[in-house]
Amino acid sequence: MARNLAAELGLTSVSQGVGAVLRLLAAAGSAKAVVEIGTGTGVSGLWLLRGMRADGVLTTIDVDHEHQRIARRVFAEAAFAPSRTRIITGRALDVLPRLADGVYDLVFLDADPAELGACAEAALRLLRPGGVLVVNGALAGGRIGDPSARDVDTVTIRETLSRIRESADWVPALIPAGTGVLAAVRR
């Protein structure tokens, strides 16, 4: 249902493969506290909730209140108690500074590529050591490997991936699911 609602609104949902990766990473880390940037209609949130501990809380951030209203309904229809989600309306870069340092197990970025670098920097602060950063769309539709692709979104994604790969703070891996997933463990 969430995927159909997303399509009706013109939103692109995470693929089944990306969803499976999200569920796996949440389960592998026994995630109790997760931040999702880009609620959409709740497709990725469902995958995350299904992998998290039964007492875990998903904090999901989106600028669109209507999308979040739909996601709230989707979570309820999937039998997740309202206490399992904290839905915050706002721009990620305005909300992230208000979240606690070093207490999150997983941060999932599926938002505006222009804000990707700043969101990844915030994730470093938010994640506990051993926590996982997951970036959706890391291959930018195949443009990442094309040196002639110089559009703003591609360059921003490329630079963010490069900073994460070269940083001593992260242990990254690129997973070829959906439009590409970067997973990086915080040291």
N, C-alpha and C. Protein backbone atom coordinates (compact mmCIF):
# COMPACT_ATOMS: atom_id res chain seq x y z
N MET A 1 0.80 -1.18 0.00
CA MET A 1 0.00 0.00 0.00
C MET A 1 0.86 1.27 0.00
N ALA A 2 1.89 1.31 0.85
CA ALA A 2 2.75 2.49 0.94
C ALA A 2 3.42 2.77 -0.40
N ARG A 3 3.84 1.71 -1.09
CA ARG A 3 4.50 1.88 -2.39
C ARG A 3 3.52 2.45 -3.42
N ASN A 4 2.27 1.97 -3.41
CA ASN A 4 1.26 2.49 -4.34
C ASN A 4 0.94 3.95 -4.05
N LEU A 5 0.83 4.29 -2.78
CA LEU A 5 0.57 5.69 -2.40
C LEU A 5 1.72 6.58 -2.84
N ALA A 6 2.94 6.11 -2.70
CA ALA A 6 4.11 6.88 -3.13
C ALA A 6 4.04 7.13 -4.63
N ALA A 7 3.72 6.09 -5.40
CA ALA A 7 3.62 6.24 -6.86
C ALA A 7 2.53 7.26 -7.23
N GLU A 8 1.40 7.21 -6.53
CA GLU A 8 0.32 8.17 -6.80
C GLU A 8 0.77 9.61 -6.55
N LEU A 9 1.67 9.80 -5.58
CA LEU A 9 2.16 11.14 -5.24
C LEU A 9 3.39 11.52 -6.06
N GLY A 10 3.85 10.61 -6.91
CA GLY A 10 5.03 10.89 -7.72
C GLY A 10 6.34 10.74 -6.97
N LEU A 11 6.32 10.01 -5.87
CA LEU A 11 7.52 9.76 -5.09
C LEU A 11 8.16 8.45 -5.51
N THR A 12 9.47 8.39 -5.43
CA THR A 12 10.19 7.15 -5.72
C THR A 12 10.49 6.46 -4.40
N SER A 13 10.01 5.25 -4.25
CA SER A 13 10.25 4.47 -3.03
C SER A 13 11.53 3.68 -3.16
N VAL A 14 12.07 3.26 -2.02
CA VAL A 14 13.22 2.36 -2.08
C VAL A 14 12.76 1.06 -2.73
N SER A 15 13.68 0.42 -3.44
CA SER A 15 13.37 -0.85 -4.08
C SER A 15 13.28 -1.95 -3.01
N GLN A 16 12.77 -3.10 -3.42
CA GLN A 16 12.71 -4.26 -2.52
C GLN A 16 14.12 -4.62 -2.03
N GLY A 17 15.09 -4.54 -2.94
CA GLY A 17 16.47 -4.87 -2.58
C GLY A 17 17.04 -3.92 -1.54
N VAL A 18 16.79 -2.62 -1.72
CA VAL A 18 17.27 -1.63 -0.74
C VAL A 18 16.54 -1.85 0.58
N GLY A 19 15.24 -2.12 0.51
CA GLY A 19 14.49 -2.40 1.73
C GLY A 19 15.06 -3.58 2.50
N ALA A 20 15.40 -4.63 1.77
CA ALA A 20 15.98 -5.81 2.42
C ALA A 20 17.32 -5.48 3.08
N VAL A 21 18.11 -4.62 2.45
CA VAL A 21 19.38 -4.19 3.04
C VAL A 21 19.11 -3.39 4.32
N LEU A 22 18.13 -2.50 4.28
CA LEU A 22 17.79 -1.72 5.47
C LEU A 22 17.36 -2.62 6.63
N ARG A 23 16.48 -3.56 6.32
CA ARG A 23 16.01 -4.50 7.36
C ARG A 23 17.19 -5.30 7.92
N LEU A 24 18.05 -5.80 7.04
CA LEU A 24 19.21 -6.57 7.45
C LEU A 24 20.14 -5.76 8.35
N LEU A 25 20.47 -4.54 7.96
CA LEU A 25 21.39 -3.72 8.75
C LEU A 25 20.78 -3.36 10.10
N ALA A 26 19.49 -3.06 10.12
CA ALA A 26 18.82 -2.75 11.39
C ALA A 26 18.84 -3.98 12.30
N ALA A 27 18.59 -5.15 11.74
CA ALA A 27 18.57 -6.39 12.53
C ALA A 27 19.98 -6.77 12.98
N ALA A 28 20.96 -6.64 12.09
CA ALA A 28 22.33 -7.03 12.42
C ALA A 28 22.88 -6.20 13.57
N GLY A 29 22.50 -4.94 13.61
CA GLY A 29 22.96 -4.06 14.68
C GLY A 29 22.02 -4.02 15.87
N SER A 30 20.99 -4.86 15.85
CA SER A 30 19.99 -4.86 16.92
C SER A 30 19.55 -3.42 17.23
N ALA A 31 19.22 -2.70 16.15
CA ALA A 31 18.95 -1.26 16.25
C ALA A 31 17.75 -0.95 17.14
N LYS A 32 17.98 -0.05 18.05
CA LYS A 32 16.92 0.42 18.94
C LYS A 32 16.54 1.86 18.62
N ALA A 33 17.50 2.65 18.14
CA ALA A 33 17.27 4.06 17.83
C ALA A 33 17.77 4.33 16.41
N VAL A 34 16.83 4.68 15.52
CA VAL A 34 17.15 4.89 14.11
C VAL A 34 16.62 6.25 13.68
N VAL A 35 17.40 6.95 12.85
CA VAL A 35 16.97 8.20 12.25
C VAL A 35 16.84 7.96 10.75
N GLU A 36 15.72 8.40 10.19
CA GLU A 36 15.48 8.32 8.75
C GLU A 36 15.24 9.73 8.24
N ILE A 37 15.99 10.12 7.24
CA ILE A 37 15.78 11.42 6.63
C ILE A 37 15.13 11.18 5.27
N GLY A 38 13.87 11.57 5.18
CA GLY A 38 13.06 11.33 4.00
C GLY A 38 12.00 10.29 4.29
N THR A 39 10.93 10.68 4.96
CA THR A 39 9.86 9.76 5.35
C THR A 39 9.12 9.20 4.15
N GLY A 40 8.82 10.07 3.18
CA GLY A 40 7.97 9.65 2.06
C GLY A 40 6.66 9.12 2.60
N THR A 41 6.17 8.04 2.03
CA THR A 41 4.91 7.44 2.50
C THR A 41 5.15 6.28 3.46
N GLY A 42 6.38 6.11 3.91
CA GLY A 42 6.68 5.12 4.92
C GLY A 42 7.25 3.81 4.42
N VAL A 43 7.57 3.70 3.14
CA VAL A 43 8.08 2.44 2.60
C VAL A 43 9.38 2.03 3.30
N SER A 44 10.36 2.90 3.30
CA SER A 44 11.64 2.56 3.93
C SER A 44 11.48 2.44 5.44
N GLY A 45 10.61 3.24 6.02
CA GLY A 45 10.35 3.16 7.45
C GLY A 45 9.83 1.79 7.86
N LEU A 46 8.96 1.21 7.04
CA LEU A 46 8.45 -0.14 7.32
C LEU A 46 9.59 -1.16 7.33
N TRP A 47 10.47 -1.07 6.35
CA TRP A 47 11.61 -2.00 6.30
C TRP A 47 12.48 -1.84 7.53
N LEU A 48 12.75 -0.59 7.91
CA LEU A 48 13.58 -0.35 9.09
C LEU A 48 12.92 -0.90 10.35
N LEU A 49 11.64 -0.59 10.54
CA LEU A 49 10.91 -1.06 11.72
C LEU A 49 10.90 -2.58 11.81
N ARG A 50 10.80 -3.25 10.67
CA ARG A 50 10.78 -4.71 10.65
C ARG A 50 12.12 -5.32 11.05
N GLY A 51 13.20 -4.56 10.88
CA GLY A 51 14.52 -5.06 11.27
C GLY A 51 14.93 -4.65 12.67
N MET A 52 14.32 -3.60 13.20
CA MET A 52 14.69 -3.07 14.51
C MET A 52 14.21 -3.96 15.64
N ARG A 53 14.76 -3.74 16.82
CA ARG A 53 14.28 -4.42 18.02
C ARG A 53 12.82 -4.05 18.25
N ALA A 54 12.10 -4.90 18.95
CA ALA A 54 10.68 -4.67 19.22
C ALA A 54 10.43 -3.43 20.06
N ASP A 55 11.44 -2.99 20.80
CA ASP A 55 11.29 -1.77 21.61
C ASP A 55 11.96 -0.56 20.96
N GLY A 56 12.37 -0.72 19.70
CA GLY A 56 13.06 0.35 18.99
C GLY A 56 12.13 1.46 18.55
N VAL A 57 12.73 2.66 18.36
CA VAL A 57 11.99 3.83 17.92
C VAL A 57 12.64 4.39 16.66
N LEU A 58 11.82 4.59 15.64
CA LEU A 58 12.24 5.20 14.38
C LEU A 58 11.90 6.68 14.43
N THR A 59 12.91 7.53 14.35
CA THR A 59 12.71 8.97 14.23
C THR A 59 12.81 9.29 12.74
N THR A 60 11.72 9.75 12.16
CA THR A 60 11.71 10.00 10.72
C THR A 60 11.39 11.46 10.44
N ILE A 61 12.17 12.05 9.53
CA ILE A 61 12.12 13.48 9.26
C ILE A 61 11.77 13.71 7.80
N ASP A 62 10.84 14.64 7.56
CA ASP A 62 10.47 14.99 6.19
C ASP A 62 9.91 16.41 6.20
N VAL A 63 10.05 17.11 5.10
CA VAL A 63 9.53 18.48 5.02
C VAL A 63 8.04 18.50 4.69
N ASP A 64 7.51 17.40 4.20
CA ASP A 64 6.12 17.38 3.74
C ASP A 64 5.20 16.72 4.77
N HIS A 65 4.36 17.54 5.39
CA HIS A 65 3.44 17.06 6.42
C HIS A 65 2.45 16.02 5.87
N GLU A 66 1.99 16.19 4.64
CA GLU A 66 1.03 15.26 4.04
C GLU A 66 1.65 13.87 3.87
N HIS A 67 2.90 13.82 3.43
CA HIS A 67 3.59 12.53 3.31
C HIS A 67 3.66 11.85 4.67
N GLN A 68 3.97 12.61 5.69
CA GLN A 68 4.08 12.04 7.02
C GLN A 68 2.72 11.57 7.56
N ARG A 69 1.67 12.28 7.22
CA ARG A 69 0.33 11.85 7.62
C ARG A 69 0.03 10.47 7.03
N ILE A 70 0.39 10.30 5.77
CA ILE A 70 0.19 9.01 5.10
C ILE A 70 1.07 7.94 5.77
N ALA A 71 2.33 8.27 6.02
CA ALA A 71 3.25 7.31 6.66
C ALA A 71 2.74 6.89 8.03
N ARG A 72 2.21 7.83 8.78
CA ARG A 72 1.67 7.50 10.11
C ARG A 72 0.57 6.45 9.97
N ARG A 73 -0.30 6.64 8.96
CA ARG A 73 -1.39 5.68 8.72
C ARG A 73 -0.83 4.32 8.28
N VAL A 74 0.17 4.34 7.42
CA VAL A 74 0.81 3.11 6.93
C VAL A 74 1.43 2.34 8.09
N PHE A 75 2.13 3.03 8.98
CA PHE A 75 2.74 2.37 10.14
C PHE A 75 1.66 1.75 11.02
N ALA A 76 0.57 2.47 11.24
CA ALA A 76 -0.52 1.95 12.09
C ALA A 76 -1.16 0.72 11.45
N GLU A 77 -1.40 0.78 10.13
CA GLU A 77 -2.01 -0.36 9.44
C GLU A 77 -1.10 -1.57 9.41
N ALA A 78 0.21 -1.34 9.55
CA ALA A 78 1.17 -2.46 9.61
C ALA A 78 1.34 -2.94 11.05
N ALA A 79 0.52 -2.43 11.95
CA ALA A 79 0.46 -2.86 13.36
C ALA A 79 1.67 -2.41 14.19
N PHE A 80 2.28 -1.30 13.81
CA PHE A 80 3.33 -0.71 14.63
C PHE A 80 2.69 0.32 15.54
N ALA A 81 2.92 0.19 16.83
CA ALA A 81 2.35 1.11 17.82
C ALA A 81 2.88 2.52 17.57
N PRO A 82 2.07 3.54 17.83
CA PRO A 82 2.52 4.93 17.65
C PRO A 82 3.81 5.24 18.43
N SER A 83 4.03 4.54 19.52
CA SER A 83 5.24 4.77 20.32
C SER A 83 6.51 4.29 19.62
N ARG A 84 6.37 3.55 18.53
CA ARG A 84 7.53 3.05 17.78
C ARG A 84 8.07 4.07 16.79
N THR A 85 7.33 5.15 16.55
CA THR A 85 7.78 6.16 15.59
C THR A 85 7.70 7.55 16.21
N ARG A 86 8.67 8.36 15.84
CA ARG A 86 8.68 9.78 16.17
C ARG A 86 8.79 10.50 14.85
N ILE A 87 7.71 11.12 14.42
CA ILE A 87 7.62 11.73 13.10
C ILE A 87 7.79 13.24 13.26
N ILE A 88 8.84 13.78 12.63
CA ILE A 88 9.16 15.20 12.77
C ILE A 88 9.08 15.87 11.41
N THR A 89 8.25 16.91 11.33
CA THR A 89 8.14 17.69 10.10
C THR A 89 9.16 18.81 10.14
N GLY A 90 9.94 18.90 9.10
CA GLY A 90 10.94 19.97 9.02
C GLY A 90 12.05 19.60 8.07
N ARG A 91 12.89 20.57 7.81
CA ARG A 91 14.06 20.37 6.96
C ARG A 91 15.12 19.64 7.79
N ALA A 92 15.69 18.60 7.25
CA ALA A 92 16.65 17.77 7.99
C ALA A 92 17.74 18.61 8.64
N LEU A 93 18.29 19.57 7.93
CA LEU A 93 19.39 20.34 8.48
C LEU A 93 18.97 21.25 9.62
N ASP A 94 17.66 21.50 9.76
CA ASP A 94 17.15 22.24 10.90
C ASP A 94 16.84 21.32 12.08
N VAL A 95 16.45 20.07 11.79
CA VAL A 95 16.05 19.13 12.83
C VAL A 95 17.25 18.39 13.42
N LEU A 96 18.18 17.96 12.59
CA LEU A 96 19.31 17.13 13.05
C LEU A 96 20.10 17.75 14.21
N PRO A 97 20.35 19.06 14.22
CA PRO A 97 21.10 19.62 15.35
C PRO A 97 20.39 19.46 16.70
N ARG A 98 19.09 19.22 16.68
CA ARG A 98 18.33 19.07 17.92
C ARG A 98 18.34 17.63 18.44
N LEU A 99 18.88 16.69 17.66
CA LEU A 99 18.93 15.29 18.09
C LEU A 99 20.19 15.03 18.90
N ALA A 100 20.11 14.07 19.81
CA ALA A 100 21.20 13.78 20.75
C ALA A 100 22.42 13.16 20.06
N ASP A 101 23.57 13.48 20.59
CA ASP A 101 24.84 12.97 20.07
C ASP A 101 25.07 11.53 20.50
N GLY A 102 25.59 10.72 19.57
CA GLY A 102 26.11 9.40 19.88
C GLY A 102 25.15 8.37 20.43
N VAL A 103 23.86 8.50 20.15
CA VAL A 103 22.89 7.55 20.71
C VAL A 103 22.15 6.73 19.66
N TYR A 104 22.38 7.01 18.40
CA TYR A 104 21.63 6.31 17.35
C TYR A 104 22.44 5.13 16.81
N ASP A 105 21.71 4.08 16.46
CA ASP A 105 22.32 2.86 15.94
C ASP A 105 22.44 2.88 14.42
N LEU A 106 21.54 3.60 13.76
CA LEU A 106 21.51 3.64 12.30
C LEU A 106 20.92 4.96 11.87
N VAL A 107 21.51 5.56 10.84
CA VAL A 107 20.97 6.77 10.21
C VAL A 107 20.83 6.46 8.73
N PHE A 108 19.60 6.63 8.22
CA PHE A 108 19.31 6.37 6.81
C PHE A 108 19.04 7.69 6.11
N LEU A 109 19.84 7.98 5.08
CA LEU A 109 19.69 9.21 4.30
C LEU A 109 19.05 8.89 2.95
N ASP A 110 17.87 9.44 2.74
CA ASP A 110 17.17 9.28 1.46
C ASP A 110 16.47 10.60 1.17
N ALA A 111 17.29 11.61 0.99
CA ALA A 111 16.75 12.96 0.88
C ALA A 111 17.44 13.73 -0.25
N ASP A 112 17.25 15.01 -0.24
CA ASP A 112 17.80 15.92 -1.24
C ASP A 112 19.31 15.75 -1.35
N PRO A 113 19.81 15.38 -2.54
CA PRO A 113 21.25 15.20 -2.71
C PRO A 113 22.06 16.45 -2.35
N ALA A 114 21.48 17.63 -2.50
CA ALA A 114 22.20 18.87 -2.18
C ALA A 114 22.54 18.95 -0.70
N GLU A 115 21.79 18.26 0.16
CA GLU A 115 22.03 18.28 1.60
C GLU A 115 22.76 17.04 2.10
N LEU A 116 23.14 16.17 1.17
CA LEU A 116 23.73 14.89 1.54
C LEU A 116 24.99 15.03 2.39
N GLY A 117 25.90 15.89 1.97
CA GLY A 117 27.16 16.07 2.70
C GLY A 117 26.94 16.53 4.13
N ALA A 118 26.09 17.52 4.31
CA ALA A 118 25.81 18.05 5.65
C ALA A 118 25.08 17.01 6.49
N CYS A 119 24.20 16.25 5.89
CA CYS A 119 23.49 15.20 6.63
C CYS A 119 24.45 14.08 7.04
N ALA A 120 25.39 13.73 6.17
CA ALA A 120 26.38 12.70 6.51
C ALA A 120 27.27 13.18 7.66
N GLU A 121 27.63 14.46 7.67
CA GLU A 121 28.42 15.01 8.78
C GLU A 121 27.62 14.95 10.08
N ALA A 122 26.34 15.27 10.00
CA ALA A 122 25.49 15.19 11.19
C ALA A 122 25.38 13.75 11.68
N ALA A 123 25.32 12.80 10.74
CA ALA A 123 25.22 11.38 11.11
C ALA A 123 26.42 10.94 11.93
N LEU A 124 27.59 11.45 11.60
CA LEU A 124 28.80 11.10 12.36
C LEU A 124 28.63 11.50 13.82
N ARG A 125 28.03 12.63 14.07
CA ARG A 125 27.78 13.10 15.44
C ARG A 125 26.69 12.29 16.12
N LEU A 126 25.64 11.92 15.37
CA LEU A 126 24.48 11.23 15.94
C LEU A 126 24.74 9.77 16.27
N LEU A 127 25.57 9.11 15.47
CA LEU A 127 25.77 7.66 15.61
C LEU A 127 26.71 7.32 16.76
N ARG A 128 26.39 6.23 17.45
CA ARG A 128 27.30 5.66 18.44
C ARG A 128 28.42 4.95 17.69
N PRO A 129 29.58 4.71 18.32
CA PRO A 129 30.59 3.88 17.67
C PRO A 129 29.97 2.52 17.32
N GLY A 130 30.18 2.06 16.11
CA GLY A 130 29.58 0.83 15.62
C GLY A 130 28.24 1.05 14.94
N GLY A 131 27.71 2.28 15.03
CA GLY A 131 26.47 2.61 14.33
C GLY A 131 26.70 2.69 12.83
N VAL A 132 25.61 2.60 12.07
CA VAL A 132 25.72 2.51 10.62
C VAL A 132 25.02 3.67 9.93
N LEU A 133 25.73 4.28 9.00
CA LEU A 133 25.17 5.27 8.09
C LEU A 133 24.79 4.55 6.81
N VAL A 134 23.57 4.78 6.32
CA VAL A 134 23.13 4.18 5.07
C VAL A 134 22.67 5.31 4.15
N VAL A 135 23.25 5.37 2.96
CA VAL A 135 22.92 6.42 1.99
C VAL A 135 22.28 5.77 0.78
N ASN A 136 21.04 6.15 0.49
CA ASN A 136 20.35 5.63 -0.69
C ASN A 136 20.71 6.47 -1.91
N GLY A 137 20.73 5.85 -3.08
CA GLY A 137 21.00 6.58 -4.32
C GLY A 137 22.46 6.87 -4.54
N ALA A 138 23.34 6.08 -3.93
CA ALA A 138 24.77 6.35 -3.96
C ALA A 138 25.39 6.23 -5.36
N LEU A 139 24.72 5.56 -6.27
CA LEU A 139 25.26 5.45 -7.63
C LEU A 139 24.68 6.50 -8.56
N ALA A 140 23.75 7.29 -8.06
CA ALA A 140 23.17 8.41 -8.81
C ALA A 140 22.75 7.99 -10.22
N GLY A 141 22.03 6.90 -10.30
CA GLY A 141 21.54 6.45 -11.61
C GLY A 141 22.65 6.10 -12.58
N GLY A 142 23.79 5.66 -12.06
CA GLY A 142 24.92 5.28 -12.91
C GLY A 142 25.84 6.44 -13.26
N ARG A 143 25.51 7.63 -12.80
CA ARG A 143 26.31 8.82 -13.15
C ARG A 143 27.58 8.95 -12.31
N ILE A 144 27.64 8.29 -11.16
CA ILE A 144 28.81 8.43 -10.28
C ILE A 144 30.09 8.03 -11.00
N GLY A 145 30.05 6.95 -11.74
CA GLY A 145 31.24 6.46 -12.44
C GLY A 145 31.53 7.17 -13.75
N ASP A 146 30.69 8.10 -14.15
CA ASP A 146 30.86 8.83 -15.42
C ASP A 146 31.52 10.18 -15.15
N PRO A 147 32.81 10.33 -15.45
CA PRO A 147 33.49 11.59 -15.15
C PRO A 147 32.89 12.81 -15.87
N SER A 148 32.16 12.58 -16.95
CA SER A 148 31.56 13.71 -17.66
C SER A 148 30.28 14.20 -16.99
N ALA A 149 29.74 13.43 -16.05
CA ALA A 149 28.54 13.83 -15.32
C ALA A 149 28.94 14.87 -14.27
N ARG A 150 28.60 16.12 -14.52
CA ARG A 150 29.02 17.23 -13.66
C ARG A 150 27.84 18.01 -13.10
N ASP A 151 26.61 17.43 -13.15
CA ASP A 151 25.46 18.13 -12.57
C ASP A 151 25.65 18.23 -11.06
N VAL A 152 24.99 19.19 -10.45
CA VAL A 152 25.18 19.49 -9.03
C VAL A 152 24.92 18.27 -8.14
N ASP A 153 23.82 17.54 -8.40
CA ASP A 153 23.49 16.38 -7.55
C ASP A 153 24.58 15.31 -7.63
N THR A 154 25.02 15.00 -8.85
CA THR A 154 26.04 13.96 -9.03
C THR A 154 27.35 14.36 -8.37
N VAL A 155 27.77 15.60 -8.56
CA VAL A 155 29.02 16.08 -7.96
C VAL A 155 28.92 16.03 -6.44
N THR A 156 27.78 16.44 -5.89
CA THR A 156 27.60 16.42 -4.43
C THR A 156 27.66 14.99 -3.90
N ILE A 157 26.98 14.07 -4.56
CA ILE A 157 27.01 12.67 -4.13
C ILE A 157 28.43 12.13 -4.23
N ARG A 158 29.09 12.39 -5.34
CA ARG A 158 30.45 11.91 -5.57
C ARG A 158 31.39 12.42 -4.47
N GLU A 159 31.31 13.72 -4.17
CA GLU A 159 32.17 14.32 -3.14
C GLU A 159 31.87 13.75 -1.76
N THR A 160 30.60 13.55 -1.45
CA THR A 160 30.24 12.99 -0.15
C THR A 160 30.76 11.57 -0.01
N LEU A 161 30.58 10.75 -1.04
CA LEU A 161 31.09 9.38 -0.99
C LEU A 161 32.60 9.35 -0.83
N SER A 162 33.28 10.26 -1.52
CA SER A 162 34.73 10.34 -1.44
C SER A 162 35.19 10.72 -0.03
N ARG A 163 34.52 11.70 0.59
CA ARG A 163 34.87 12.11 1.96
C ARG A 163 34.67 10.96 2.94
N ILE A 164 33.58 10.23 2.78
CA ILE A 164 33.32 9.08 3.68
C ILE A 164 34.37 8.00 3.46
N ARG A 165 34.67 7.69 2.20
CA ARG A 165 35.64 6.65 1.88
C ARG A 165 37.03 6.99 2.41
N GLU A 166 37.41 8.26 2.37
CA GLU A 166 38.75 8.67 2.77
C GLU A 166 38.87 8.99 4.26
N SER A 167 37.76 9.03 4.97
CA SER A 167 37.77 9.39 6.38
C SER A 167 38.14 8.20 7.26
N ALA A 168 38.93 8.47 8.28
CA ALA A 168 39.27 7.43 9.26
C ALA A 168 38.10 7.14 10.19
N ASP A 169 37.05 7.95 10.12
CA ASP A 169 35.88 7.77 10.99
C ASP A 169 34.93 6.68 10.51
N TRP A 170 35.08 6.24 9.26
CA TRP A 170 34.11 5.33 8.66
C TRP A 170 34.77 4.08 8.09
N VAL A 171 34.02 2.98 8.09
CA VAL A 171 34.38 1.76 7.35
C VAL A 171 33.24 1.57 6.35
N PRO A 172 33.44 2.00 5.09
CA PRO A 172 32.34 2.02 4.12
C PRO A 172 32.36 0.84 3.14
N ALA A 173 31.18 0.58 2.57
CA ALA A 173 31.05 -0.38 1.48
C ALA A 173 29.89 0.08 0.60
N LEU A 174 30.08 -0.03 -0.71
CA LEU A 174 29.03 0.30 -1.66
C LEU A 174 28.30 -0.99 -2.02
N ILE A 175 26.99 -0.99 -1.85
CA ILE A 175 26.17 -2.17 -2.09
C ILE A 175 25.33 -1.92 -3.35
N PRO A 176 25.45 -2.78 -4.36
CA PRO A 176 24.74 -2.54 -5.62
C PRO A 176 23.28 -2.97 -5.58
N ALA A 177 22.51 -2.39 -4.67
CA ALA A 177 21.07 -2.65 -4.58
C ALA A 177 20.35 -1.38 -5.00
N GLY A 178 19.26 -1.54 -5.73
CA GLY A 178 18.48 -0.37 -6.16
C GLY A 178 19.34 0.61 -6.91
N THR A 179 19.33 1.87 -6.49
CA THR A 179 20.13 2.92 -7.11
C THR A 179 21.47 3.09 -6.41
N GLY A 180 21.87 2.04 -5.69
CA GLY A 180 23.14 2.04 -4.97
C GLY A 180 22.95 2.45 -3.53
N VAL A 181 23.54 1.69 -2.63
CA VAL A 181 23.48 1.97 -1.21
C VAL A 181 24.90 2.03 -0.67
N LEU A 182 25.22 3.12 -0.02
CA LEU A 182 26.47 3.19 0.70
C LEU A 182 26.16 2.88 2.15
N ALA A 183 26.85 1.90 2.70
CA ALA A 183 26.74 1.60 4.13
C ALA A 183 28.11 1.86 4.73
N ALA A 184 28.14 2.59 5.84
CA ALA A 184 29.41 2.91 6.49
C ALA A 184 29.24 2.79 7.99
N VAL A 185 30.14 2.02 8.61
CA VAL A 185 30.12 1.84 10.05
C VAL A 185 30.99 2.92 10.68
N ARG A 186 30.45 3.57 11.71
CA ARG A 186 31.22 4.59 12.43
C ARG A 186 32.21 3.91 13.36
N ARG A 187 33.47 4.30 13.25
CA ARG A 187 34.53 3.74 14.13
C ARG A 187 34.35 4.25 15.54
